[in-house]
C-alpha atoms as a PDB file:
ATOM      1  CA  MET A   1      -9.714 -17.162  -3.291  1.00  0.00           C
ATOM      2  CA  PRO A   2      -6.379 -17.793  -1.478  1.00  0.00           C
ATOM      3  CA  GLN A   3      -3.837 -15.018  -1.703  1.00  0.00           C
ATOM      4  CA  THR A   4      -1.267 -17.180  -3.475  1.00  0.00           C
ATOM      5  CA  ALA A   5      -3.774 -18.003  -6.230  1.00  0.00           C
ATOM      6  CA  ILE A   6      -4.608 -14.326  -6.694  1.00  0.00           C
ATOM      7  CA  THR A   7      -0.964 -13.370  -7.044  1.00  0.00           C
ATOM      8  CA  GLN A   8      -0.565 -15.978  -9.761  1.00  0.00           C
ATOM      9  CA  ILE A   9      -3.449 -14.404 -11.696  1.00  0.00           C
ATOM     10  CA  ILE A  10      -2.477 -10.765 -11.155  1.00  0.00           C
ATOM     11  CA  LYS A  11       0.802 -10.271 -13.023  1.00  0.00           C
ATOM     12  CA  THR A  12       0.500  -6.814 -14.590  1.00  0.00           C
ATOM     13  CA  LEU A  13      -0.925  -3.429 -13.642  1.00  0.00           C
ATOM     14  CA  ASN A  14      -3.609  -3.943 -16.288  1.00  0.00           C
ATOM     15  CA  HIS A  15      -4.664  -7.062 -14.355  1.00  0.00           C
ATOM     16  CA  VAL A  16      -4.735  -4.953 -11.197  1.00  0.00           C
ATOM     17  CA  HIS A  17      -7.022  -2.433 -12.884  1.00  0.00           C
ATOM     18  CA  GLN A  18      -9.300  -4.933 -14.627  1.00  0.00           C
ATOM     19  CA  LYS A  19      -9.565  -7.748 -12.068  1.00  0.00           C
ATOM     20  CA  LEU A  20      -9.174  -5.888  -8.772  1.00  0.00           C
ATOM     21  CA  GLY A  21     -10.776  -2.593  -9.771  1.00  0.00           C
ATOM     22  CA  LEU A  22      -7.836  -0.570  -8.446  1.00  0.00           C
ATOM     23  CA  GLN A  23      -6.738   2.609 -10.194  1.00  0.00           C
ATOM     24  CA  ARG A  24      -3.649   4.745  -9.764  1.00  0.00           C
ATOM     25  CA  ALA A  25      -4.396   8.004  -7.937  1.00  0.00           C
ATOM     26  CA  THR A  26      -4.064  11.227  -9.913  1.00  0.00           C
ATOM     27  CA  ASP A  27      -4.021  13.527  -6.870  1.00  0.00           C
ATOM     28  CA  SER A  28      -0.437  14.458  -5.930  1.00  0.00           C
ATOM     29  CA  GLN A  29      -1.573  14.641  -2.287  1.00  0.00           C
ATOM     30  CA  PHE A  30      -2.776  11.033  -2.187  1.00  0.00           C
ATOM     31  CA  PHE A  31       0.556   9.621  -1.038  1.00  0.00           C
ATOM     32  CA  THR A  32       2.423  12.272   0.906  1.00  0.00           C
ATOM     33  CA  GLU A  33       3.764   9.924   3.578  1.00  0.00           C
ATOM     34  CA  TRP A  34       6.902   9.221   1.551  1.00  0.00           C
ATOM     35  CA  PHE A  35       8.044  12.864   1.413  1.00  0.00           C
ATOM     36  CA  GLU A  36       6.268  15.005   4.028  1.00  0.00           C
ATOM     37  CA  GLY A  37       7.194  15.298   7.704  1.00  0.00           C
ATOM     38  CA  LEU A  38       9.844  12.587   7.621  1.00  0.00           C
ATOM     39  CA  PRO A  39      11.739  12.022  10.887  1.00  0.00           C
ATOM     40  CA  GLN A  40      15.372  13.072  11.192  1.00  0.00           C
ATOM     41  CA  LEU A  41      18.001  10.338  11.417  1.00  0.00           C
ATOM     42  CA  THR A  42      20.626  10.244  14.144  1.00  0.00           C
ATOM     43  CA  ALA A  43      24.339  10.293  13.352  1.00  0.00           C
ATOM     44  CA  LEU A  44      24.545   6.652  14.471  1.00  0.00           C
ATOM     45  CA  GLU A  45      21.705   5.644  12.141  1.00  0.00           C
ATOM     46  CA  GLN A  46      23.416   7.384   9.237  1.00  0.00           C
ATOM     47  CA  GLU A  47      26.701   5.621  10.011  1.00  0.00           C
ATOM     48  CA  THR A  48      24.860   2.287  10.132  1.00  0.00           C
ATOM     49  CA  LEU A  49      23.180   2.945   6.777  1.00  0.00           C
ATOM     50  CA  ASP A  50      26.504   3.917   5.208  1.00  0.00           C
ATOM     51  CA  LEU A  51      28.011   0.629   6.394  1.00  0.00           C
ATOM     52  CA  MET A  52      25.007  -1.317   5.076  1.00  0.00           C
ATOM     53  CA  ARG A  53      25.374   0.231   1.629  1.00  0.00           C
ATOM     54  CA  GLN A  54      29.124  -0.411   1.659  1.00  0.00           C
ATOM     55  CA  ARG A  55      28.560  -4.081   2.518  1.00  0.00           C
ATOM     56  CA  PHE A  56      25.892  -4.478  -0.150  1.00  0.00           C
ATOM     57  CA  ARG A  57      28.080  -2.923  -2.830  1.00  0.00           C
ATOM     58  CA  TYR A  58      30.999  -5.156  -1.804  1.00  0.00           C
ATOM     59  CA  HIS A  59      28.928  -8.304  -2.353  1.00  0.00           C
ATOM     60  CA  ARG A  60      27.204  -6.864  -5.440  1.00  0.00           C
ATOM     61  CA  GLU A  61      30.542  -6.478  -7.187  1.00  0.00           C
ATOM     62  CA  GLU A  62      30.689 -10.274  -7.519  1.00  0.00           C
ATOM     63  CA  GLY A  63      27.327 -10.396  -9.323  1.00  0.00           C
ATOM     64  CA  GLN A  64      23.713 -11.008  -8.352  1.00  0.00           C
ATOM     65  CA  VAL A  65      23.060 -10.880  -4.605  1.00  0.00           C
ATOM     66  CA  THR A  66      20.627 -13.561  -3.407  1.00  0.00           C
ATOM     67  CA  GLU A  67      17.428 -12.768  -1.564  1.00  0.00           C
ATOM     68  CA  GLY A  68      18.904 -14.154   1.656  1.00  0.00           C
ATOM     69  CA  ALA A  69      21.916 -11.853   1.409  1.00  0.00           C
ATOM     70  CA  VAL A  70      19.769  -8.820   0.522  1.00  0.00           C
ATOM     71  CA  ASN A  71      17.567  -9.522   3.515  1.00  0.00           C
ATOM     72  CA  ALA A  72      20.457 -10.092   5.912  1.00  0.00           C
ATOM     73  CA  ILE A  73      22.578  -7.134   4.829  1.00  0.00           C
ATOM     74  CA  VAL A  74      19.938  -4.516   4.058  1.00  0.00           C
ATOM     75  CA  VAL A  75      16.209  -5.199   4.375  1.00  0.00           C
ATOM     76  CA  SER A  76      16.116  -6.926   7.748  1.00  0.00           C
ATOM     77  CA  ARG A  77      18.371  -4.244   9.232  1.00  0.00           C
ATOM     78  CA  LEU A  78      16.111  -1.504   7.857  1.00  0.00           C
ATOM     79  CA  MET A  79      13.055  -3.159   9.422  1.00  0.00           C
ATOM     80  CA  GLU A  80      14.912  -3.427  12.730  1.00  0.00           C
ATOM     81  CA  LEU A  81      16.016   0.210  12.681  1.00  0.00           C
ATOM     82  CA  ALA A  82      12.438   1.284  11.913  1.00  0.00           C
ATOM     83  CA  GLY A  83      11.197  -0.661  14.961  1.00  0.00           C
ATOM     84  CA  PHE A  84       9.043  -3.207  13.138  1.00  0.00           C
ATOM     85  CA  TYR A  85      10.502  -6.128  15.109  1.00  0.00           C
ATOM     86  CA  ASP A  86       9.476  -4.699  18.479  1.00  0.00           C
ATOM     87  CA  PRO A  87       6.076  -4.437  20.261  1.00  0.00           C
ATOM     88  CA  PRO A  88       3.376  -3.685  19.366  1.00  0.00           C
ATOM     89  CA  PHE A  89       4.238  -4.847  15.825  1.00  0.00           C
ATOM     90  CA  ARG A  90       3.699  -8.457  14.811  1.00  0.00           C
ATOM     91  CA  LEU A  91       4.949 -10.166  11.659  1.00  0.00           C
ATOM     92  CA  ARG A  92       3.432 -12.802   9.405  1.00  0.00           C
ATOM     93  CA  SER A  93       5.422 -14.580   6.692  1.00  0.00           C
ATOM     94  CA  GLU A  94       3.717 -15.869   3.551  1.00  0.00           C
ATOM     95  CA  LEU A  95       4.649 -18.595   1.110  1.00  0.00           C
ATOM     96  CA  PRO A  96       6.832 -17.152  -1.669  1.00  0.00           C
ATOM     97  CA  VAL A  97       5.261 -16.712  -5.116  1.00  0.00           C
ATOM     98  CA  GLU A  98       7.148 -18.133  -8.083  1.00  0.00           C
ATOM     99  CA  ILE A  99       7.489 -15.751 -11.042  1.00  0.00           C
ATOM    100  CA  THR A 100       8.566 -16.245 -14.647  1.00  0.00           C
ATOM    101  CA  THR A 101       8.956 -13.897 -17.590  1.00  0.00           C
ATOM    102  CA  THR A 102      10.470 -14.054 -21.049  1.00  0.00           C
ATOM    103  CA  VAL A 103      13.086 -11.549 -22.193  1.00  0.00           C
ATOM    104  CA  GLU A 104      14.666 -11.901 -25.635  1.00  0.00           C
ATOM    105  CA  ASN A 105      13.418 -15.499 -25.897  1.00  0.00           C
ATOM    106  CA  GLU A 106      15.004 -16.364 -22.542  1.00  0.00           C
ATOM    107  CA  THR A 107      12.761 -17.557 -19.710  1.00  0.00           C
ATOM    108  CA  LEU A 108      13.696 -15.970 -16.404  1.00  0.00           C
ATOM    109  CA  ARG A 109      12.611 -17.547 -13.145  1.00  0.00           C
ATOM    110  CA  GLY A 110      12.507 -16.100  -9.670  1.00  0.00           C
ATOM    111  CA  ARG A 111      10.294 -15.637  -6.666  1.00  0.00           C
ATOM    112  CA  ILE A 112       8.678 -12.966  -4.541  1.00  0.00           C
ATOM    113  CA  ASP A 113       8.964 -13.253  -0.764  1.00  0.00           C
ATOM    114  CA  PHE A 114       6.301 -11.545   1.362  1.00  0.00           C
ATOM    115  CA  LEU A 115       6.433 -10.427   4.990  1.00  0.00           C
ATOM    116  CA  VAL A 116       3.360  -8.746   6.485  1.00  0.00           C
ATOM    117  CA  VAL A 117       3.418  -6.320   9.433  1.00  0.00           C
ATOM    118  CA  GLN A 118       0.214  -5.608  11.379  1.00  0.00           C
ATOM    119  CA  GLU A 119      -1.811  -6.754   8.334  1.00  0.00           C
ATOM    120  CA  ARG A 120      -1.126  -3.303   6.878  1.00  0.00           C
ATOM    121  CA  PHE A 121       2.471  -3.260   5.611  1.00  0.00           C
ATOM    122  CA  TRP A 122       3.910  -5.633   3.009  1.00  0.00           C
ATOM    123  CA  ARG A 123       7.675  -6.021   2.776  1.00  0.00           C
ATOM    124  CA  VAL A 124       8.483  -7.658  -0.538  1.00  0.00           C
ATOM    125  CA  ILE A 125      11.809  -9.001  -1.805  1.00  0.00           C
ATOM    126  CA  ILE A 126      12.194 -10.088  -5.445  1.00  0.00           C
ATOM    127  CA  GLU A 127      14.829 -12.750  -6.050  1.00  0.00           C
ATOM    128  CA  SER A 128      16.064 -13.897  -9.439  1.00  0.00           C
ATOM    129  CA  LYS A 129      18.646 -16.397 -10.597  1.00  0.00           C
ATOM    130  CA  GLU A 130      21.473 -15.079 -12.774  1.00  0.00           C
ATOM    131  CA  THR A 131      19.433 -12.290 -14.396  1.00  0.00           C
ATOM    132  CA  GLU A 132      17.774  -9.674 -12.226  1.00  0.00           C
ATOM    133  CA  PHE A 133      14.057  -8.920 -12.377  1.00  0.00           C
ATOM    134  CA  ASP A 134      12.959  -5.316 -12.672  1.00  0.00           C
ATOM    135  CA  ILE A 135      11.421  -4.024  -9.460  1.00  0.00           C
ATOM    136  CA  GLU A 136       8.116  -3.454 -11.297  1.00  0.00           C
ATOM    137  CA  VAL A 137       7.585  -7.223 -11.471  1.00  0.00           C
ATOM    138  CA  GLY A 138       6.660  -7.282  -7.786  1.00  0.00           C
ATOM    139  CA  ILE A 139       4.223  -4.379  -7.758  1.00  0.00           C
ATOM    140  CA  PRO A 140       1.094  -6.093  -9.192  1.00  0.00           C
ATOM    141  CA  GLN A 141       1.501  -9.071  -6.854  1.00  0.00           C
ATOM    142  CA  THR A 142       1.989  -6.761  -3.886  1.00  0.00           C
ATOM    143  CA  LEU A 143      -1.213  -4.887  -4.703  1.00  0.00           C
ATOM    144  CA  ALA A 144      -3.068  -8.184  -5.167  1.00  0.00           C
ATOM    145  CA  TYR A 145      -1.757  -9.619  -1.910  1.00  0.00           C
ATOM    146  CA  ALA A 146      -2.656  -6.512   0.067  1.00  0.00           C
ATOM    147  CA  ILE A 147      -6.212  -6.402  -1.262  1.00  0.00           C
ATOM    148  CA  ALA A 148      -6.691 -10.165  -0.793  1.00  0.00           C
ATOM    149  CA  SER A 149      -5.539  -9.921   2.822  1.00  0.00           C
ATOM    150  CA  LEU A 150      -7.596  -6.845   3.601  1.00  0.00           C
ATOM    151  CA  ALA A 151      -8.812  -6.862   7.185  1.00  0.00           C
ATOM    152  CA  GLU A 152      -9.759  -3.221   7.587  1.00  0.00           C
ATOM    153  CA  ALA A 153     -10.412  -0.021   5.667  1.00  0.00           C
ATOM    154  CA  SER A 154      -7.251   1.792   6.818  1.00  0.00           C
ATOM    155  CA  PRO A 155      -4.584   2.725   4.261  1.00  0.00           C
ATOM    156  CA  LEU A 156      -2.162  -0.061   3.397  1.00  0.00           C
ATOM    157  CA  PHE A 157       1.511   0.330   2.547  1.00  0.00           C
ATOM    158  CA  GLY A 158       4.179  -1.768   0.882  1.00  0.00           C
ATOM    159  CA  MET A 159       7.892  -1.698   0.185  1.00  0.00           C
ATOM    160  CA  VAL A 160       9.220  -3.613  -2.824  1.00  0.00           C
ATOM    161  CA  THR A 161      12.906  -4.223  -3.447  1.00  0.00           C
ATOM    162  CA  ASN A 162      15.088  -6.336  -5.721  1.00  0.00           C
ATOM    163  CA  GLY A 163      18.194  -5.433  -3.766  1.00  0.00           C
ATOM    164  CA  ASN A 164      19.330  -2.612  -6.020  1.00  0.00           C
ATOM    165  CA  ASN A 165      16.137  -0.532  -5.913  1.00  0.00           C
ATOM    166  CA  PHE A 166      13.371   0.281  -3.444  1.00  0.00           C
ATOM    167  CA  ILE A 167       9.869   1.641  -4.049  1.00  0.00           C
ATOM    168  CA  PHE A 168       6.973   2.292  -1.660  1.00  0.00           C
ATOM    169  CA  ILE A 169       3.268   1.773  -2.375  1.00  0.00           C
ATOM    170  CA  LYS A 170       0.163   3.172  -0.707  1.00  0.00           C
ATOM    171  CA  ILE A 171      -3.298   1.635  -1.162  1.00  0.00           C
ATOM    172  CA  ASP A 172      -6.640   3.163  -0.175  1.00  0.00           C
ATOM    173  CA  PRO A 173      -9.015   0.152  -0.231  1.00  0.00           C
ATOM    174  CA  PRO A 174     -12.362   1.976   0.196  1.00  0.00           C
ATOM    175  CA  HIS A 175     -11.656   4.217  -2.793  1.00  0.00           C
ATOM    176  CA  LYS A 176      -9.788   1.541  -4.807  1.00  0.00           C
ATOM    177  CA  LEU A 177      -6.763   3.792  -5.298  1.00  0.00           C
ATOM    178  CA  TYR A 178      -2.995   3.265  -5.131  1.00  0.00           C
ATOM    179  CA  ASP A 179       0.181   5.199  -5.907  1.00  0.00           C
ATOM    180  CA  PHE A 180       3.965   4.875  -5.729  1.00  0.00           C
ATOM    181  CA  SER A 181       6.868   6.783  -4.251  1.00  0.00           C
ATOM    182  CA  GLU A 182      10.009   7.615  -6.157  1.00  0.00           C
ATOM    183  CA  THR A 183      12.377   4.697  -6.795  1.00  0.00           C
ATOM    184  CA  TYR A 184      15.457   4.679  -4.579  1.00  0.00           C
ATOM    185  CA  SER A 185      18.632   3.105  -5.971  1.00  0.00           C
ATOM    186  CA  MET A 186      21.543   1.574  -4.096  1.00  0.00           C
ATOM    187  CA  LEU A 187      23.769   2.593  -7.012  1.00  0.00           C
ATOM    188  CA  SER A 188      23.225   6.343  -6.603  1.00  0.00           C
ATOM    189  CA  ARG A 189      26.023   8.626  -5.416  1.00  0.00           C
ATOM    190  CA  THR A 190      23.959   9.631  -2.398  1.00  0.00           C
ATOM    191  CA  ASN A 191      22.891   6.997   0.109  1.00  0.00           C
ATOM    192  CA  HIS A 192      19.168   6.540  -0.545  1.00  0.00           C
ATOM    193  CA  LEU A 193      18.924   4.159   2.386  1.00  0.00           C
ATOM    194  CA  TYR A 194      18.526   7.363   4.405  1.00  0.00           C
ATOM    195  CA  ASP A 195      15.278   8.058   2.525  1.00  0.00           C
ATOM    196  CA  VAL A 196      14.108   4.457   2.798  1.00  0.00           C
ATOM    197  CA  LEU A 197      14.590   4.346   6.570  1.00  0.00           C
ATOM    198  CA  GLN A 198      12.894   7.727   7.039  1.00  0.00           C
ATOM    199  CA  ILE A 199       9.840   6.492   5.122  1.00  0.00           C
ATOM    200  CA  LEU A 200       9.751   3.239   7.097  1.00  0.00           C
ATOM    201  CA  LYS A 201       9.892   5.197  10.344  1.00  0.00           C
ATOM    202  CA  ALA A 202       7.086   7.487   9.161  1.00  0.00           C
ATOM    203  CA  ILE A 203       4.880   4.502   8.313  1.00  0.00           C
ATOM    204  CA  ALA A 204       5.671   2.881  11.669  1.00  0.00           C
ATOM    205  CA  THR A 205       4.601   6.098  13.415  1.00  0.00           C
ATOM    206  CA  ILE A 206       1.291   6.058  11.543  1.00  0.00           C
ATOM    207  CA  PHE A 207       0.642   2.483  12.668  1.00  0.00           C
ATOM    208  CA  LEU A 208       1.568   3.275  16.274  1.00  0.00           C
ATOM    209  CA  ALA A 209      -0.840   6.205  16.321  1.00  0.00           C
ATOM    210  CA  THR A 210      -3.596   4.011  14.930  1.00  0.00           C
ATOM    211  CA  THR A 211      -2.871   1.259  17.457  1.00  0.00           C
ATOM    212  CA  HIS A 212      -2.946   3.665  20.375  1.00  0.00           C
ATOM    213  CA  ASP A 213      -6.232   5.140  19.192  1.00  0.00           C
END
């Protein structure tokens, strides 16, 4: 079944469990990549991340920030700083998935944009019109997309963001397990983009080691 069709069917974590056979890991050591052995950031990287957050907040003050703006100001820069745009990494864009949900009798419409790195990392941006979707909306589709695109048995990773929040996902296909990181907010007093970039760099290092092997 095409990936886009699967993501239309898989809309909740219960769907993920029932239709894909995935289960959330209970072992606290399953997903340690988001908090153990993270690389240190340079002073220049920290200054860049501070400017990125400042720019995002400036535009956010006027209301909802579009997917294009989120990507240009924050996400694309993070991917660049983590090295995902340079060799040996290769990117593959996918058709966006339309999403709808009903909140207080109001139908909300948006879309989920996917970018795939090395067939093992899914960068996902959730865009909504007027009313913002919770970041959790993109998690089931990300899990479905990753499993549908599976090309190998190595661990898969994903980053989901709606602009205000970021969360990372790890999937272990052979054992049908997945888990999440903490959620990082752009609205926090501390700049959580530091954490996000450190995790991206750690994942990039894992992929480089695998590629070289």
